[in-house]
Amino acid sequence: LEEGHLRSRKREQAFPLAVDLTCLKGIDQIRFIDEGLYQRVERQFKKLDKGEKRSFRVAGPFRIFCKDLLDLKFEVNGRQVVRIKEEGVDNYRFDFVE
């Protein structure tokens, strides 16, 4: 049990941000890129149904490619994301503002 707790703490230190994603309507595809690491980590989700949730940890700022961004609700460490920049068609970068 102690070893599992230690691994969990190391993961929290390496990936300090807990992202909770909730689909408010059906969505066909989302590309999620964690830019806080080198090499960037990409996650892809396909066919999310209304009410479906995903949770994962990231190291830093992230970028999302999604046509239906308004149909997603994001929380980071239990707080809603506070600033979004659009950087092209269906390309959004999320910054963390304290």
Protein backbone atom coordinates (compact mmCIF):
# COMPACT_ATOMS: atom_id res chain seq x y z
CA LEU A 1 0.00 0.00 0.00
CA GLU A 2 2.83 2.40 0.85
CA GLU A 3 4.51 1.84 -2.53
CA GLY A 4 1.25 2.58 -4.38
CA HIS A 5 0.80 5.78 -2.34
CA LEU A 6 4.37 6.84 -3.22
CA ARG A 7 3.74 6.28 -6.95
CA SER A 8 0.56 8.33 -6.67
CA ARG A 9 2.44 11.22 -5.01
CA LYS A 10 5.15 11.14 -7.70
CA ARG A 11 2.47 11.25 -10.42
CA GLU A 12 0.83 14.25 -8.71
CA GLN A 13 4.19 16.04 -8.58
CA ALA A 14 4.97 15.32 -12.24
CA PHE A 15 1.39 16.08 -13.34
CA PRO A 16 0.13 18.67 -10.83
CA LEU A 17 -3.06 19.60 -12.69
CA ALA A 18 -6.14 17.39 -12.51
CA VAL A 19 -8.42 17.97 -15.51
CA ASP A 20 -12.08 16.97 -15.38
CA LEU A 21 -13.87 17.08 -18.71
CA THR A 22 -17.67 16.78 -18.96
CA CYS A 23 -19.53 16.49 -22.25
CA LEU A 24 -22.67 18.68 -22.19
CA LYS A 25 -23.89 17.43 -25.61
CA GLY A 26 -22.68 14.69 -27.93
CA ILE A 27 -19.23 15.34 -29.43
CA ASP A 28 -17.57 13.47 -32.28
CA GLN A 29 -13.89 14.11 -31.59
CA ILE A 30 -11.52 15.96 -29.26
CA ARG A 31 -7.73 16.23 -29.44
CA PHE A 32 -6.15 17.26 -26.15
CA ILE A 33 -2.43 18.15 -26.05
CA ASP A 34 -0.51 18.62 -22.79
CA GLU A 35 2.13 21.26 -23.60
CA GLY A 36 3.72 21.13 -20.14
CA LEU A 37 5.98 18.24 -21.12
CA TYR A 38 8.66 17.59 -23.69
CA GLN A 39 7.59 15.47 -25.71
CA ARG A 40 4.04 16.76 -25.80
CA VAL A 41 1.41 14.25 -24.75
CA GLU A 42 -1.68 13.93 -26.93
CA ARG A 43 -4.99 12.33 -25.96
CA GLN A 44 -7.83 11.72 -28.40
CA PHE A 45 -11.44 11.10 -27.46
CA LYS A 46 -14.06 10.01 -29.97
CA LYS A 47 -17.84 9.86 -29.70
CA LEU A 48 -18.45 11.31 -26.25
CA ASP A 49 -22.09 11.12 -25.23
CA LYS A 50 -24.01 13.73 -23.27
CA GLY A 51 -23.03 13.53 -19.59
CA GLU A 52 -19.91 11.45 -20.26
CA LYS A 53 -16.87 12.40 -18.14
CA ARG A 54 -13.12 12.00 -18.46
CA SER A 55 -10.50 12.76 -15.83
CA PHE A 56 -6.72 12.82 -16.23
CA ARG A 57 -3.65 14.69 -15.04
CA VAL A 58 -1.48 17.12 -17.03
CA ALA A 59 1.85 18.85 -16.43
CA GLY A 60 0.99 22.32 -17.65
CA PRO A 61 -0.85 24.42 -20.21
CA PHE A 62 -2.88 22.47 -22.71
CA ARG A 63 -4.34 22.91 -26.18
CA ILE A 64 -7.62 21.53 -27.46
CA PHE A 65 -8.76 20.88 -31.01
CA CYS A 66 -12.55 20.56 -31.02
CA LYS A 67 -15.37 21.87 -33.20
CA ASP A 68 -17.84 21.81 -30.31
CA LEU A 69 -15.87 23.46 -27.50
CA LEU A 70 -18.96 25.11 -26.03
CA ASP A 71 -20.38 21.63 -25.46
CA LEU A 72 -17.56 20.80 -23.03
CA LYS A 73 -17.11 21.82 -19.42
CA PHE A 74 -13.55 21.91 -18.06
CA GLU A 75 -12.34 22.03 -14.50
CA VAL A 76 -8.73 22.10 -13.42
CA ASN A 77 -8.00 21.14 -9.82
CA GLY A 78 -11.71 21.55 -9.10
CA ARG A 79 -11.96 25.06 -10.60
CA GLN A 80 -13.32 26.04 -13.99
CA VAL A 81 -10.78 27.21 -16.56
CA VAL A 82 -10.53 30.98 -16.43
CA ARG A 83 -8.97 32.08 -19.73
CA ILE A 84 -9.14 30.69 -23.26
CA LYS A 85 -7.37 31.92 -26.38
CA GLU A 86 -8.54 30.88 -29.83
CA GLU A 87 -5.55 30.23 -32.07
CA GLY A 88 -7.15 29.22 -35.34
CA VAL A 89 -10.18 27.26 -36.45
CA ASP A 90 -11.22 24.80 -33.72
CA ASN A 91 -7.84 25.29 -31.96
CA TYR A 92 -7.94 26.59 -28.38
CA ARG A 93 -5.16 27.10 -25.87
CA PHE A 94 -5.98 27.07 -22.17
CA ASP A 95 -3.89 29.09 -19.77
CA PHE A 96 -4.01 28.87 -16.03
CA VAL A 97 -4.51 32.17 -14.28
CA GLU A 98 -4.25 32.23 -10.51
